[in-house]
C-alpha atoms as a PDB file:
ATOM      1  CA  MET A   1     -22.312  18.674   6.773  1.00  0.00           C
ATOM      2  CA  LYS A   2     -20.216  16.701   9.254  1.00  0.00           C
ATOM      3  CA  THR A   3     -20.998  13.401   7.597  1.00  0.00           C
ATOM      4  CA  SER A   4     -19.832  14.564   4.182  1.00  0.00           C
ATOM      5  CA  PHE A   5     -16.547  15.766   5.727  1.00  0.00           C
ATOM      6  CA  LEU A   6     -16.131  12.385   7.431  1.00  0.00           C
ATOM      7  CA  GLY A   7     -16.792  10.637   4.148  1.00  0.00           C
ATOM      8  CA  LYS A   8     -14.216  12.765   2.372  1.00  0.00           C
ATOM      9  CA  ALA A   9     -11.701  12.152   5.155  1.00  0.00           C
ATOM     10  CA  LEU A  10     -12.231   8.403   4.809  1.00  0.00           C
ATOM     11  CA  LEU A  11     -11.758   8.658   1.049  1.00  0.00           C
ATOM     12  CA  GLY A  12      -8.522  10.550   1.669  1.00  0.00           C
ATOM     13  CA  ALA A  13      -7.404   7.798   4.032  1.00  0.00           C
ATOM     14  CA  ALA A  14      -8.244   5.258   1.327  1.00  0.00           C
ATOM     15  CA  PHE A  15      -5.965   7.108  -1.095  1.00  0.00           C
ATOM     16  CA  PHE A  16      -3.011   6.991   1.288  1.00  0.00           C
ATOM     17  CA  THR A  17      -3.543   3.353   2.312  1.00  0.00           C
ATOM     18  CA  CYS A  18      -3.810   2.019  -1.238  1.00  0.00           C
ATOM     19  CA  PRO A  19      -1.509  -1.030  -1.430  1.00  0.00           C
ATOM     20  CA  CYS A  20       0.011   0.244  -4.679  1.00  0.00           C
ATOM     21  CA  HIS A  21       1.762   2.933  -2.615  1.00  0.00           C
ATOM     22  CA  LEU A  22       3.795   0.362  -0.655  1.00  0.00           C
ATOM     23  CA  PRO A  23       7.006   0.864  -2.698  1.00  0.00           C
ATOM     24  CA  ILE A  24       6.786   4.601  -2.021  1.00  0.00           C
ATOM     25  CA  TYR A  25       6.328   3.970   1.703  1.00  0.00           C
ATOM     26  CA  LEU A  26       9.333   1.619   1.728  1.00  0.00           C
ATOM     27  CA  VAL A  27      11.494   4.381   0.270  1.00  0.00           C
ATOM     28  CA  LEU A  28      10.075   7.114   2.528  1.00  0.00           C
ATOM     29  CA  PHE A  29      10.391   5.077   5.726  1.00  0.00           C
ATOM     30  CA  GLY A  30      13.617   3.321   4.639  1.00  0.00           C
ATOM     31  CA  GLY A  31      15.803   4.257   7.595  1.00  0.00           C
ATOM     32  CA  THR A  32      13.183   3.810  10.296  1.00  0.00           C
ATOM     33  CA  ALA A  33      11.967   0.868  12.324  1.00  0.00           C
ATOM     34  CA  LEU A  34       8.617   1.005  10.515  1.00  0.00           C
ATOM     35  CA  GLY A  35      10.367   0.814   7.141  1.00  0.00           C
ATOM     36  CA  GLY A  36      12.430  -2.144   8.286  1.00  0.00           C
ATOM     37  CA  TYR A  37       9.384  -3.961   9.562  1.00  0.00           C
ATOM     38  CA  MET A  38       7.470  -3.302   6.348  1.00  0.00           C
ATOM     39  CA  ALA A  39      10.414  -4.457   4.231  1.00  0.00           C
ATOM     40  CA  GLU A  40      10.712  -7.715   6.183  1.00  0.00           C
ATOM     41  CA  ASN A  41       6.955  -8.389   6.209  1.00  0.00           C
ATOM     42  CA  LYS A  42       5.765  -7.246   2.785  1.00  0.00           C
ATOM     43  CA  ILE A  43       2.877  -9.709   2.603  1.00  0.00           C
ATOM     44  CA  LEU A  44       1.574  -8.623   6.007  1.00  0.00           C
ATOM     45  CA  ALA A  45       1.962  -4.959   5.036  1.00  0.00           C
ATOM     46  CA  VAL A  46       0.071  -5.475   1.767  1.00  0.00           C
ATOM     47  CA  GLY A  47      -2.688  -7.360   3.594  1.00  0.00           C
ATOM     48  CA  ALA A  48      -3.069  -4.690   6.255  1.00  0.00           C
ATOM     49  CA  LEU A  49      -3.025  -1.844   3.728  1.00  0.00           C
ATOM     50  CA  THR A  50      -5.592  -3.653   1.575  1.00  0.00           C
ATOM     51  CA  ALA A  51      -7.947  -4.207   4.501  1.00  0.00           C
ATOM     52  CA  VAL A  52      -7.744  -0.573   5.634  1.00  0.00           C
ATOM     53  CA  PHE A  53      -8.047   0.612   2.017  1.00  0.00           C
ATOM     54  CA  PHE A  54     -11.260  -1.295   1.324  1.00  0.00           C
ATOM     55  CA  PHE A  55     -12.811  -0.339   4.665  1.00  0.00           C
ATOM     56  CA  SER A  56     -12.008   3.341   4.149  1.00  0.00           C
ATOM     57  CA  LEU A  57     -13.120   3.337   0.536  1.00  0.00           C
ATOM     58  CA  LEU A  58     -16.455   1.633   1.099  1.00  0.00           C
ATOM     59  CA  SER A  59     -17.251   3.565   4.273  1.00  0.00           C
ATOM     60  CA  GLY A  60     -16.237   6.854   2.675  1.00  0.00           C
ATOM     61  CA  TRP A  61     -18.435   6.261  -0.370  1.00  0.00           C
ATOM     62  CA  LYS A  62     -21.370   5.284   1.800  1.00  0.00           C
ATOM     63  CA  ILE A  63     -21.063   8.338   4.067  1.00  0.00           C
ATOM     64  CA  ALA A  64     -20.107  10.930   1.456  1.00  0.00           C
ATOM     65  CA  TRP A  65     -22.927  10.119  -0.915  1.00  0.00           C
ATOM     66  CA  ALA A  66     -25.643   9.278   1.611  1.00  0.00           C
ATOM     67  CA  ARG A  67     -28.880  11.110   1.030  1.00  0.00           C
ATOM     68  CA  GLY A  68     -29.907  12.440   4.398  1.00  0.00           C
END
């Protein structure tokens, strides 16, 4: 049961780290240091979000649907 929860948590993390959400994050974090950094380094932010997204998505699928 723990592994399926972990898989679902990773899939939830994949949803929030999807690079298509970057414009939303720029608006939400607009007045903060994180928002400023992301606005100045959009390519780095997209690359980091993409890497975390794919890792979370693939790991979450593997764990959530593993036959144990």
